[in-house]
Amino acid sequence: MTVPVPTADILVVDDTPANLRLLMKLLTDQGYGVRPVAEGALALTAAQLVPPDLILLDIKMPGMDGYEVCRQLKADARTREVPVIFLTVLDEAVDIVKGFALGGVDYITKPVRAGELMARINSQVQLRFLQKQLAEKNQVQEYLLEQYETTALALKESEEKFSKAFERSPVPLSLAALPAGHFLDVNQEFVIQTGYSRQEILGHTVLELDFWVDLSERSQLLERLQIQGSVHDFETRLRAKSGEIRDVLMSVEIINLNNNPHFLAAVKDVTERNVAERRLAARTKELSQALETLKDAQNQLVESAKMAALGNLVAGVAHEINTPVGTAIMMASTLENATRMIAKDTAQGRLTQSAFHDYLEVATDASQLILDNLKRAGDLVQSFKQVAVDQTSLRERTFKVKPYLQEVISNLHPQLKQTPHSVTIAGDATLTLHSHPGALSQIITNLVVNSIDHGFCDNRAGQIHIDIQQRDAQCLLTYSDNGIGIQPENLERIFEPFFTTTHHKGGSGLGLHLVYNLVTQSLQGLITVTSTVGSGTTFTITMPQKLKDKKQ
């Protein structure tokens, strides 16, 4: 009778590709699963990850040879039982003895006939599966015997264990007989909590001992217990012998002892916990109210900072307008005097051609200067008006980023011209946003002021560079200066409200906090900061080209 060869997973280890291909064909033709490996170390890893049913192992391989692979396989509990057949050109007796000494089950020398090789492999596979079956049967028998012994021991010790667990439990426990509910046993914790002695409790009911403060709650517990068979963490109040009322969580279960139903009840005192929770709730309410008050104060400070920035803008623009308006007034006065003189000469009949010609030159030059300066003043007013309206209303509109930022920087000219600092703006002049230009204006204004006050506080000639680029549907704005930089320990805190390193100079710590809120809320964007001490700081702002509808 031919014994069928079971399907097996065979790991084939040989550093010669031709040998691997030949062995794979022979084995797969026999229905075996084959895992070919060309290196000893890889073979060891493959066997440890998924132990095979059999390993065909070459000896002469670069790196780790077959002897070392076998030695490590037999030293590992995961692969110790996997049979190893050495398949090698080494045919010396000492090599064969070493192979068997290391744990090989067979040693086949090359060249070998295919039929002989398959017969010896089939034999080992069958032997391996018979060993597995025997081991499984032994395990089942051992398990059944162990379960029998465990069950017998458990039955013998269950009553003793229950008694010990009941008495030693840190939770007050009681056992009462149904249906009347007379106490049969209580543990020491139950005695301590109630204030009654064991003798005063046993044989009596909860009604006789007047435990329940509210009998309607007892009725609710019994109804749920009748329906569910157990109740967990039922919150109620119980009365101790002293009359003290305690908040408790009661868990009750119906159990069978000697085929009779009993109440097993556990009572957890939560009086202190409830008191603490009530105190915590009151404290939480106080803190919430304090937080709201703090938020209101913070919002007022932020609004004050915004209005202060607007006030500085008004003062700066007013100063800037003085120059063209003053020039226009001066030229108008000059033109008025020249006109009065020419009118007087005309009235007295003394007007000469050369005088009239001179008057026309003065009138032409004065008119042109008046127009130029009034236009400059009008442009400043219009620019200020747009920026001021944007800052105060934060309304949405479509605008080109680079020209708008140039207007913002122009409005900051009064502050900048008193310093050696310069501002450059680069990037796509056609990039358009549908967003809050006022928020962007406040952001750039605060960043410039921050650079002047903090970055260039060592009186260096500062350079500020703003770059605008489009990234898909996002606008990437990079603001950088070459100031003194930010200390590493302060870098993660600069967006926190009221954080400042210049309290002694009157710094509020709200400038960059306002920037962060405007970027993340008004512009729906992100802002990050990097800095190198002594080299400068860079803020990177990413914002959508079009704001999302907040209702979505």
Protein backbone atom coordinates (compact mmCIF):
# COMPACT_ATOMS: atom_id res chain seq x y z
CA MET A 1 0.00 0.00 0.00
CA THR A 2 1.38 3.39 -1.03
CA VAL A 3 1.17 6.09 1.64
CA PRO A 4 0.10 9.42 0.04
CA VAL A 5 2.64 12.19 0.39
CA PRO A 6 1.07 15.22 2.11
CA THR A 7 1.48 18.74 0.76
CA ALA A 8 4.38 20.48 2.46
CA ASP A 9 6.20 23.84 2.54
CA ILE A 10 9.89 23.24 1.67
CA LEU A 11 12.62 25.86 2.08
CA VAL A 12 15.39 25.28 -0.52
CA VAL A 13 18.75 26.94 0.21
CA ASP A 14 21.45 26.93 -2.51
CA ASP A 15 23.69 29.69 -3.84
CA THR A 16 23.68 28.22 -7.39
CA PRO A 17 20.70 29.52 -9.45
CA ALA A 18 20.71 26.45 -11.71
CA ASN A 19 20.41 24.13 -8.71
CA LEU A 20 17.56 26.24 -7.29
CA ARG A 21 15.64 26.08 -10.59
CA LEU A 22 16.10 22.30 -10.87
CA LEU A 23 15.03 21.64 -7.29
CA MET A 24 12.03 23.98 -7.63
CA LYS A 25 10.83 22.06 -10.73
CA LEU A 26 11.26 18.63 -9.10
CA LEU A 27 9.44 19.68 -5.94
CA THR A 28 6.61 21.68 -7.54
CA ASP A 29 5.93 18.77 -9.93
CA GLN A 30 5.32 16.68 -6.79
CA GLY A 31 2.85 19.28 -5.49
CA TYR A 32 5.12 20.79 -2.84
CA GLY A 33 5.22 24.48 -2.01
CA VAL A 34 8.76 25.80 -2.51
CA ARG A 35 10.54 28.84 -1.10
CA PRO A 36 13.93 29.32 -2.82
CA VAL A 37 16.68 31.24 -0.98
CA ALA A 38 20.24 31.89 -2.22
CA GLU A 39 21.92 32.98 1.04
CA GLY A 40 22.32 31.39 4.45
CA ALA A 41 21.37 34.49 6.45
CA LEU A 42 18.20 35.05 4.38
CA ALA A 43 17.30 31.38 4.81
CA LEU A 44 17.61 31.69 8.58
CA THR A 45 15.33 34.76 8.62
CA ALA A 46 12.75 33.11 6.33
CA ALA A 47 12.62 29.99 8.51
CA GLN A 48 12.23 32.01 11.71
CA LEU A 49 9.42 34.15 10.29
CA VAL A 50 7.42 31.20 8.86
CA PRO A 51 8.86 27.79 9.88
CA PRO A 52 8.73 25.36 6.89
CA ASP A 53 7.96 21.64 6.98
CA LEU A 54 11.38 20.72 5.58
CA ILE A 55 14.67 22.46 4.68
CA LEU A 56 17.00 21.39 1.84
CA LEU A 57 20.30 23.01 2.79
CA ASP A 58 23.50 23.45 0.77
CA ILE A 59 26.73 23.71 2.81
CA LYS A 60 29.23 25.63 0.72
CA MET A 61 27.76 29.13 0.46
CA PRO A 62 29.33 32.59 0.75
CA GLY A 63 28.80 34.38 4.06
CA MET A 64 26.98 32.00 6.41
CA ASP A 65 27.53 28.36 5.38
CA GLY A 66 25.02 25.54 5.76
CA TYR A 67 26.58 24.19 8.96
CA GLU A 68 26.14 27.54 10.73
CA VAL A 69 22.57 27.90 9.42
CA CYS A 70 21.70 24.46 10.81
CA ARG A 71 23.36 25.22 14.14
CA GLN A 72 21.31 28.42 14.57
CA LEU A 73 18.09 26.71 13.42
CA LYS A 74 18.50 24.01 16.08
CA ALA A 75 19.28 26.62 18.74
CA ASP A 76 16.02 28.48 18.07
CA ALA A 77 12.82 27.12 19.66
CA ARG A 78 10.81 28.28 16.62
CA THR A 79 12.78 26.12 14.14
CA ARG A 80 14.33 23.42 16.32
CA GLU A 81 11.88 20.72 15.19
CA VAL A 82 12.10 21.48 11.45
CA PRO A 83 13.94 18.59 9.69
CA VAL A 84 17.07 19.59 7.73
CA ILE A 85 18.44 17.59 4.79
CA PHE A 86 21.96 18.54 3.72
CA LEU A 87 22.32 18.53 -0.08
CA THR A 88 25.99 19.16 -0.93
CA VAL A 89 29.05 18.19 -2.97
CA LEU A 90 31.01 17.55 0.25
CA ASP A 91 31.30 13.76 0.54
CA GLU A 92 34.05 13.29 3.12
CA ALA A 93 33.13 11.22 6.16
CA VAL A 94 34.05 14.07 8.49
CA ASP A 95 31.60 16.38 6.65
CA ILE A 96 28.81 13.81 6.84
CA VAL A 97 29.40 13.19 10.54
CA LYS A 98 29.42 16.95 11.23
CA GLY A 99 26.10 17.36 9.38
CA PHE A 100 24.37 14.70 11.47
CA ALA A 101 26.01 16.01 14.65
CA LEU A 102 24.51 19.44 14.03
CA GLY A 103 21.01 17.92 13.81
CA GLY A 104 20.53 17.04 10.14
CA VAL A 105 18.08 14.19 9.48
CA ASP A 106 19.72 13.19 6.19
CA TYR A 107 22.87 13.94 4.20
CA ILE A 108 22.71 13.69 0.39
CA THR A 109 25.77 14.26 -1.78
CA LYS A 110 25.67 15.77 -5.25
CA PRO A 111 25.21 14.61 -7.93
CA VAL A 112 22.13 12.65 -6.96
CA ARG A 113 19.47 10.93 -9.01
CA ALA A 114 16.11 12.67 -9.03
CA GLY A 115 14.22 9.56 -8.03
CA GLU A 116 16.45 8.90 -5.04
CA LEU A 117 16.27 12.55 -3.98
CA MET A 118 12.47 12.65 -4.14
CA ALA A 119 12.18 9.33 -2.31
CA ARG A 120 14.29 10.59 0.58
CA ILE A 121 12.44 13.94 0.65
CA ASN A 122 9.03 12.19 0.59
CA SER A 123 10.17 9.95 3.42
CA GLN A 124 11.16 12.89 5.60
CA VAL A 125 7.97 14.82 4.77
CA GLN A 126 5.82 11.81 5.74
CA LEU A 127 7.83 11.34 8.91
CA ARG A 128 7.45 15.04 9.75
CA PHE A 129 3.67 14.93 9.34
CA LEU A 130 3.38 11.76 11.39
CA GLN A 131 5.39 13.45 14.14
CA LYS A 132 3.07 16.46 13.98
CA GLN A 133 -0.04 14.28 14.22
CA LEU A 134 1.42 12.37 17.16
CA ALA A 135 2.38 15.62 18.90
CA GLU A 136 -1.13 17.01 18.35
CA LYS A 137 -2.71 13.87 19.78
CA ASN A 138 -0.41 14.02 22.78
CA GLN A 139 -1.29 17.67 23.27
CA VAL A 140 -5.02 16.85 23.17
CA GLN A 141 -4.60 14.06 25.70
CA GLU A 142 -2.48 16.26 27.93
CA TYR A 143 -5.05 19.04 27.65
CA LEU A 144 -7.95 16.74 28.51
CA LEU A 145 -6.07 15.32 31.47
CA GLU A 146 -5.14 18.81 32.61
CA GLN A 147 -8.75 19.98 32.29
CA TYR A 148 -9.99 17.01 34.25
CA GLU A 149 -7.50 17.62 37.04
CA THR A 150 -8.21 21.35 37.00
CA THR A 151 -11.97 20.82 37.16
CA ALA A 152 -11.66 18.36 40.01
CA LEU A 153 -9.39 20.70 41.91
CA ALA A 154 -11.66 23.67 41.18
CA LEU A 155 -14.69 21.81 42.47
CA LYS A 156 -12.81 20.87 45.57
CA GLU A 157 -11.47 24.35 46.25
CA SER A 158 -14.36 26.52 44.98
CA GLU A 159 -16.15 26.73 48.28
CA GLU A 160 -12.96 27.57 50.14
CA LYS A 161 -11.97 30.18 47.56
CA PHE A 162 -15.39 31.77 47.60
CA SER A 163 -15.32 31.96 51.36
CA LYS A 164 -11.84 33.51 51.42
CA ALA A 165 -12.58 35.97 48.59
CA PHE A 166 -15.85 36.95 50.24
CA GLU A 167 -14.28 37.65 53.61
CA ARG A 168 -11.09 39.32 52.34
CA SER A 169 -12.74 41.56 49.75
CA PRO A 170 -12.03 45.28 50.30
CA VAL A 171 -15.60 45.95 49.12
CA PRO A 172 -18.47 45.44 51.59
CA LEU A 173 -20.23 42.18 50.59
CA SER A 174 -23.39 40.50 51.81
CA LEU A 175 -25.18 37.22 51.07
CA ALA A 176 -28.94 36.98 51.61
CA ALA A 177 -31.47 34.20 51.02
CA LEU A 178 -34.45 34.61 48.73
CA PRO A 179 -37.27 35.39 48.84
CA ALA A 180 -37.38 37.18 52.22
CA GLY A 181 -33.82 38.53 52.01
CA HIS A 182 -32.50 37.44 55.40
CA PHE A 183 -28.76 37.97 55.72
CA LEU A 184 -26.79 34.70 55.73
CA ASP A 185 -23.30 36.19 55.74
CA VAL A 186 -21.48 39.52 55.56
CA ASN A 187 -17.77 40.30 55.38
CA GLN A 188 -15.76 42.49 57.72
CA GLU A 189 -15.93 45.55 55.40
CA PHE A 190 -19.74 45.39 55.48
CA VAL A 191 -19.64 45.33 59.28
CA ILE A 192 -17.31 48.35 59.36
CA GLN A 193 -19.40 50.38 56.91
CA THR A 194 -22.78 49.76 58.53
CA GLY A 195 -21.62 49.95 62.15
CA TYR A 196 -23.54 46.80 63.10
CA SER A 197 -21.90 43.68 64.48
CA ARG A 198 -22.12 40.43 62.52
CA GLN A 199 -24.48 39.00 65.15
CA GLU A 200 -26.79 42.03 64.81
CA ILE A 201 -26.97 41.59 61.03
CA LEU A 202 -27.25 37.83 60.43
CA GLY A 203 -30.83 36.53 60.30
CA HIS A 204 -32.30 40.00 59.75
CA THR A 205 -33.44 41.84 56.62
CA VAL A 206 -32.54 45.31 55.31
CA LEU A 207 -36.00 46.51 56.30
CA GLU A 208 -35.60 45.32 59.85
CA LEU A 209 -32.23 47.08 60.09
CA ASP A 210 -33.62 50.23 58.42
CA PHE A 211 -30.76 50.42 55.87
CA TRP A 212 -32.72 52.09 53.06
CA VAL A 213 -33.24 55.85 53.15
CA ASP A 214 -35.69 55.81 50.22
CA LEU A 215 -37.77 52.62 49.94
CA SER A 216 -38.91 53.57 46.42
CA GLU A 217 -35.29 53.17 45.30
CA ARG A 218 -35.28 49.68 46.81
CA SER A 219 -38.37 48.84 44.78
CA GLN A 220 -36.65 50.09 41.58
CA LEU A 221 -33.64 47.91 42.32
CA LEU A 222 -35.76 44.79 42.88
CA GLU A 223 -37.72 45.40 39.64
CA ARG A 224 -34.55 45.69 37.59
CA LEU A 225 -33.07 42.67 39.33
CA GLN A 226 -36.14 40.58 38.53
CA ILE A 227 -35.93 41.51 34.85
CA GLN A 228 -32.15 41.46 34.31
CA GLY A 229 -30.89 38.99 36.91
CA SER A 230 -28.19 41.46 37.98
CA VAL A 231 -27.82 45.19 38.59
CA HIS A 232 -24.53 47.09 38.56
CA ASP A 233 -23.67 50.44 40.15
CA PHE A 234 -27.19 51.34 41.27
CA GLU A 235 -26.82 54.74 42.93
CA THR A 236 -28.69 55.14 46.19
CA ARG A 237 -28.33 56.12 49.87
CA LEU A 238 -28.04 53.82 52.87
CA ARG A 239 -28.33 54.52 56.59
CA ALA A 240 -25.69 53.26 59.04
CA LYS A 241 -26.38 52.20 62.61
CA SER A 242 -25.27 55.67 63.79
CA GLY A 243 -27.93 57.30 61.58
CA GLU A 244 -25.29 58.69 59.18
CA ILE A 245 -26.45 58.59 55.56
CA ARG A 246 -23.90 57.54 52.94
CA ASP A 247 -23.97 57.74 49.14
CA VAL A 248 -23.30 54.28 47.68
CA LEU A 249 -23.14 52.34 44.42
CA MET A 250 -24.84 48.98 44.87
CA SER A 251 -24.28 45.96 42.63
CA VAL A 252 -26.53 42.91 43.18
CA GLU A 253 -26.58 39.54 41.41
CA ILE A 254 -28.74 36.47 41.86
CA ILE A 255 -26.56 33.35 42.32
CA ASN A 256 -27.35 29.71 43.01
CA LEU A 257 -25.90 28.04 46.09
CA ASN A 258 -26.91 24.44 46.71
CA ASN A 259 -29.59 24.90 44.02
CA ASN A 260 -31.18 27.77 45.91
CA PRO A 261 -31.27 31.43 44.72
CA HIS A 262 -29.43 34.02 46.81
CA PHE A 263 -28.65 37.73 46.68
CA LEU A 264 -24.95 38.56 46.42
CA ALA A 265 -24.58 42.31 46.98
CA ALA A 266 -21.56 44.62 46.85
CA VAL A 267 -21.77 48.14 48.27
CA LYS A 268 -19.25 50.85 47.36
CA ASP A 269 -19.21 54.02 49.44
CA VAL A 270 -18.95 57.06 47.13
CA THR A 271 -19.85 59.78 49.61
CA GLU A 272 -16.41 61.42 49.53
CA ARG A 273 -16.27 61.07 45.74
CA ASN A 274 -19.62 62.80 45.32
CA VAL A 275 -18.56 65.60 47.64
CA ALA A 276 -15.35 66.01 45.64
CA GLU A 277 -17.29 65.98 42.36
CA ARG A 278 -19.62 68.69 43.61
CA ARG A 279 -16.66 70.78 44.71
CA LEU A 280 -14.95 70.13 41.36
CA ALA A 281 -18.10 71.15 39.47
CA ALA A 282 -18.33 74.37 41.46
CA ARG A 283 -14.62 75.06 40.90
CA THR A 284 -14.97 74.28 37.19
CA LYS A 285 -17.84 76.75 36.97
CA GLU A 286 -15.73 79.40 38.68
CA LEU A 287 -12.81 78.74 36.35
CA SER A 288 -15.09 78.84 33.29
CA GLN A 289 -16.42 82.20 34.38
CA ALA A 290 -12.88 83.44 35.01
CA LEU A 291 -11.83 82.14 31.57
CA GLU A 292 -14.68 83.99 29.88
CA THR A 293 -13.72 87.15 31.74
CA LEU A 294 -10.10 86.66 30.66
CA LYS A 295 -11.19 86.10 27.03
CA ASP A 296 -13.25 89.29 27.12
CA ALA A 297 -10.27 91.20 28.50
CA GLN A 298 -8.00 89.63 25.89
CA ASN A 299 -10.39 90.58 23.08
CA GLN A 300 -10.52 94.14 24.40
CA LEU A 301 -6.73 94.27 24.47
CA VAL A 302 -6.56 92.88 20.93
CA GLU A 303 -9.07 95.48 19.74
CA SER A 304 -7.06 98.15 21.53
CA ALA A 305 -3.93 96.94 19.77
CA LYS A 306 -5.72 97.08 16.42
CA MET A 307 -7.00 100.60 17.06
CA ALA A 308 -3.55 101.67 18.23
CA ALA A 309 -2.08 100.36 14.98
CA LEU A 310 -4.74 102.25 13.05
CA GLY A 311 -3.97 105.38 15.06
CA ASN A 312 -0.29 105.08 14.23
CA LEU A 313 -1.27 104.68 10.57
CA VAL A 314 -3.42 107.83 10.71
CA ALA A 315 -0.60 109.80 12.34
CA GLY A 316 1.93 108.57 9.81
CA VAL A 317 -0.25 109.30 6.80
CA ALA A 318 -1.16 112.73 8.16
CA HIS A 319 2.54 113.49 8.49
CA GLU A 320 3.19 112.17 4.99
CA ILE A 321 0.36 114.27 3.50
CA ASN A 322 1.76 117.45 5.06
CA THR A 323 4.58 117.62 2.52
CA PRO A 324 2.56 117.64 -0.75
CA VAL A 325 -0.23 119.72 0.80
CA GLY A 326 2.29 122.25 2.17
CA THR A 327 4.00 122.46 -1.22
CA ALA A 328 0.64 122.96 -2.96
CA ILE A 329 -0.32 125.73 -0.50
CA MET A 330 3.03 127.44 -0.98
CA MET A 331 2.71 127.35 -4.79
CA ALA A 332 -0.90 128.52 -4.60
CA SER A 333 0.26 131.45 -2.48
CA THR A 334 3.01 132.22 -5.01
CA LEU A 335 0.49 132.07 -7.86
CA GLU A 336 -1.89 134.30 -5.91
CA ASN A 337 0.82 136.95 -5.38
CA ALA A 338 1.87 136.81 -9.02
CA THR A 339 -1.77 137.14 -10.12
CA ARG A 340 -2.32 140.10 -7.81
CA MET A 341 0.77 141.85 -9.20
CA ILE A 342 -0.18 141.22 -12.82
CA ALA A 343 -3.73 142.45 -12.10
CA LYS A 344 -2.35 145.64 -10.52
CA ASP A 345 -0.04 146.33 -13.49
CA THR A 346 -2.93 145.73 -15.86
CA ALA A 347 -5.20 148.13 -13.95
CA GLN A 348 -2.52 150.84 -13.99
CA GLY A 349 -1.72 150.28 -17.66
CA ARG A 350 1.88 149.27 -16.91
CA LEU A 351 1.64 145.64 -18.09
CA THR A 352 4.48 144.82 -20.45
CA GLN A 353 4.81 141.83 -22.73
CA SER A 354 7.83 140.48 -20.88
CA ALA A 355 6.04 140.78 -17.49
CA PHE A 356 3.03 138.96 -18.86
CA HIS A 357 5.30 136.25 -20.28
CA ASP A 358 7.01 135.84 -16.90
CA TYR A 359 3.59 135.57 -15.23
CA LEU A 360 2.53 132.81 -17.61
CA GLU A 361 5.66 130.80 -16.80
CA VAL A 362 5.08 131.23 -13.06
CA ALA A 363 1.39 130.31 -13.44
CA THR A 364 2.18 127.23 -15.54
CA ASP A 365 4.88 125.94 -13.18
CA ALA A 366 2.82 126.69 -10.08
CA SER A 367 -0.30 125.04 -11.48
CA GLN A 368 1.64 121.93 -12.44
CA LEU A 369 3.26 121.70 -8.99
CA ILE A 370 -0.10 122.24 -7.30
CA LEU A 371 -1.70 119.50 -9.42
CA ASP A 372 1.20 117.07 -8.85
CA ASN A 373 1.26 117.56 -5.10
CA LEU A 374 -2.52 117.46 -4.70
CA LYS A 375 -2.58 114.27 -6.77
CA ARG A 376 0.11 112.82 -4.50
CA ALA A 377 -1.94 113.81 -1.44
CA GLY A 378 -5.07 112.35 -3.02
CA ASP A 379 -3.28 109.07 -3.73
CA LEU A 380 -2.08 108.91 -0.14
CA VAL A 381 -5.58 109.60 1.16
CA GLN A 382 -7.09 106.96 -1.16
CA SER A 383 -4.49 104.39 -0.18
CA PHE A 384 -4.95 105.17 3.50
CA LYS A 385 -8.73 105.09 3.11
CA GLN A 386 -8.65 101.65 1.49
CA VAL A 387 -6.24 100.18 4.03
CA ALA A 388 -8.05 101.80 6.96
CA VAL A 389 -11.45 100.55 5.77
CA ASP A 390 -10.01 97.07 5.25
CA GLN A 391 -8.45 97.04 8.72
CA THR A 392 -11.59 98.12 10.48
CA SER A 393 -14.20 96.15 8.53
CA LEU A 394 -12.29 92.95 7.57
CA ARG A 395 -14.73 92.54 4.69
CA GLU A 396 -14.08 90.14 1.83
CA ARG A 397 -13.18 91.38 -1.63
CA THR A 398 -11.04 90.41 -4.61
CA PHE A 399 -7.65 92.10 -4.84
CA LYS A 400 -4.18 91.65 -6.27
CA VAL A 401 -1.78 90.73 -3.51
CA LYS A 402 1.46 92.40 -4.58
CA PRO A 403 0.03 95.86 -5.45
CA TYR A 404 -2.01 95.80 -2.24
CA LEU A 405 1.06 94.99 -0.13
CA GLN A 406 2.90 97.84 -1.87
CA GLU A 407 0.12 100.18 -0.69
CA VAL A 408 0.44 98.82 2.85
CA ILE A 409 4.22 99.36 2.86
CA SER A 410 3.68 102.86 1.37
CA ASN A 411 1.45 103.71 4.32
CA LEU A 412 4.24 102.56 6.64
CA HIS A 413 6.70 104.94 4.97
CA PRO A 414 6.54 107.54 7.79
CA GLN A 415 7.80 104.94 10.27
CA LEU A 416 10.31 103.40 7.87
CA LYS A 417 11.89 106.65 6.63
CA GLN A 418 13.02 107.43 10.17
CA THR A 419 15.12 104.23 10.11
CA PRO A 420 17.87 102.80 7.87
CA HIS A 421 15.67 99.79 7.11
CA SER A 422 14.41 98.80 3.66
CA VAL A 423 11.50 96.66 2.44
CA THR A 424 11.37 94.78 -0.87
CA ILE A 425 8.39 92.92 -2.31
CA ALA A 426 8.86 90.21 -4.96
CA GLY A 427 6.61 87.69 -6.65
CA ASP A 428 3.72 87.40 -9.07
CA ALA A 429 2.12 90.82 -9.53
CA THR A 430 -1.01 89.23 -11.06
CA LEU A 431 -1.73 86.82 -8.19
CA THR A 432 -5.30 87.54 -7.01
CA LEU A 433 -7.02 86.64 -3.74
CA HIS A 434 -10.65 86.71 -2.73
CA SER A 435 -10.12 87.20 0.97
CA HIS A 436 -9.85 89.78 3.77
CA PRO A 437 -7.31 92.39 2.61
CA GLY A 438 -7.59 94.19 5.93
CA ALA A 439 -6.43 91.07 7.77
CA LEU A 440 -3.48 90.80 5.41
CA SER A 441 -2.70 94.50 5.97
CA GLN A 442 -2.72 94.07 9.75
CA ILE A 443 -0.51 90.97 9.47
CA ILE A 444 2.14 92.69 7.36
CA THR A 445 1.97 95.86 9.49
CA ASN A 446 2.47 93.89 12.71
CA LEU A 447 5.31 91.85 11.20
CA VAL A 448 7.10 95.01 10.03
CA VAL A 449 6.63 96.67 13.41
CA ASN A 450 7.86 93.46 15.07
CA SER A 451 10.99 93.49 12.90
CA ILE A 452 11.69 97.17 13.65
CA ASP A 453 11.08 96.86 17.42
CA HIS A 454 12.65 93.45 18.03
CA GLY A 455 14.60 92.22 15.01
CA PHE A 456 16.55 95.43 14.46
CA CYS A 457 16.81 96.53 18.08
CA ASP A 458 20.62 96.51 17.86
CA ASN A 459 20.46 99.50 15.45
CA ARG A 460 21.56 97.44 12.45
CA ALA A 461 20.42 98.50 8.96
CA GLY A 462 17.64 95.98 8.50
CA GLN A 463 16.39 94.37 5.32
CA ILE A 464 12.86 93.01 5.04
CA HIS A 465 11.90 90.85 2.07
CA ILE A 466 8.37 89.74 1.19
CA ASP A 467 7.83 87.10 -1.49
CA ILE A 468 4.46 86.01 -2.94
CA GLN A 469 4.05 82.77 -4.90
CA GLN A 470 1.15 80.60 -6.05
CA ARG A 471 1.08 76.94 -5.00
CA ASP A 472 -1.88 75.18 -6.65
CA ALA A 473 -4.93 76.94 -5.18
CA GLN A 474 -2.88 78.41 -2.33
CA CYS A 475 -0.97 81.63 -1.90
CA LEU A 476 2.44 81.21 -0.27
CA LEU A 477 3.66 84.41 1.40
CA THR A 478 7.17 84.45 2.86
CA TYR A 479 8.20 87.32 5.15
CA SER A 480 11.84 87.41 6.23
CA ASP A 481 14.21 89.84 7.92
CA ASN A 482 17.92 89.79 8.68
CA GLY A 483 17.49 90.84 12.29
CA ILE A 484 18.91 89.37 15.49
CA GLY A 485 16.63 86.31 15.35
CA ILE A 486 14.65 84.57 18.08
CA GLN A 487 16.09 82.46 20.87
CA PRO A 488 15.21 78.72 20.48
CA GLU A 489 13.47 78.58 23.87
CA ASN A 490 11.15 81.45 22.79
CA LEU A 491 10.40 80.20 19.27
CA GLU A 492 7.49 77.94 20.26
CA ARG A 493 5.87 80.63 22.42
CA ILE A 494 5.93 83.70 20.19
CA PHE A 495 2.29 83.26 19.11
CA GLU A 496 1.05 82.95 22.71
CA PRO A 497 -1.00 85.91 23.98
CA PHE A 498 0.93 88.30 26.24
CA PHE A 499 4.26 86.58 25.58
CA THR A 500 6.94 89.24 25.11
CA THR A 501 10.60 89.72 25.92
CA THR A 502 10.20 93.51 26.15
CA HIS A 503 7.83 94.02 29.09
CA HIS A 504 10.34 96.58 30.40
CA LYS A 505 9.85 98.57 27.19
CA GLY A 506 6.08 98.40 27.28
CA GLY A 507 5.62 95.41 24.96
CA SER A 508 2.09 93.94 25.18
CA GLY A 509 2.82 90.52 23.70
CA LEU A 510 -0.26 90.73 21.49
CA GLY A 511 1.25 91.61 18.10
CA LEU A 512 2.19 88.12 16.91
CA HIS A 513 -0.80 86.58 18.71
CA LEU A 514 -3.01 88.87 16.62
CA VAL A 515 -1.06 87.82 13.49
CA TYR A 516 -1.66 84.13 14.31
CA ASN A 517 -5.39 84.63 14.84
CA LEU A 518 -5.79 86.67 11.65
CA VAL A 519 -3.94 84.05 9.57
CA THR A 520 -5.71 80.99 10.98
CA GLN A 521 -9.20 82.49 11.36
CA SER A 522 -9.72 85.41 9.00
CA LEU A 523 -7.52 84.09 6.17
CA GLN A 524 -8.19 80.37 6.92
CA GLY A 525 -4.46 79.72 6.57
CA LEU A 526 -1.40 78.42 8.39
CA ILE A 527 1.65 80.26 9.69
CA THR A 528 5.04 78.84 10.68
CA VAL A 529 8.24 80.49 11.85
CA THR A 530 11.91 79.62 11.63
CA SER A 531 14.76 81.64 13.04
CA THR A 532 18.54 81.62 13.40
CA VAL A 533 19.99 83.73 16.19
CA GLY A 534 22.07 86.48 14.67
CA SER A 535 20.84 85.88 11.10
CA GLY A 536 17.14 86.67 11.07
CA THR A 537 13.61 85.28 11.14
CA THR A 538 11.27 83.94 8.47
CA PHE A 539 7.48 83.69 8.70
CA THR A 540 5.78 81.46 6.12
CA ILE A 541 2.05 81.98 5.56
CA THR A 542 -0.06 79.63 3.45
CA MET A 543 -3.61 80.73 2.66
CA PRO A 544 -6.32 79.77 0.15
CA GLN A 545 -6.79 82.02 -2.89
CA LYS A 546 -10.51 81.95 -2.18
CA LEU A 547 -12.03 81.74 1.28
CA LYS A 548 -14.22 78.76 2.05
CA ASP A 549 -17.82 79.32 3.03
CA LYS A 550 -17.86 78.92 6.83
CA LYS A 551 -21.31 77.33 6.58
CA GLN A 552 -19.91 74.41 4.60
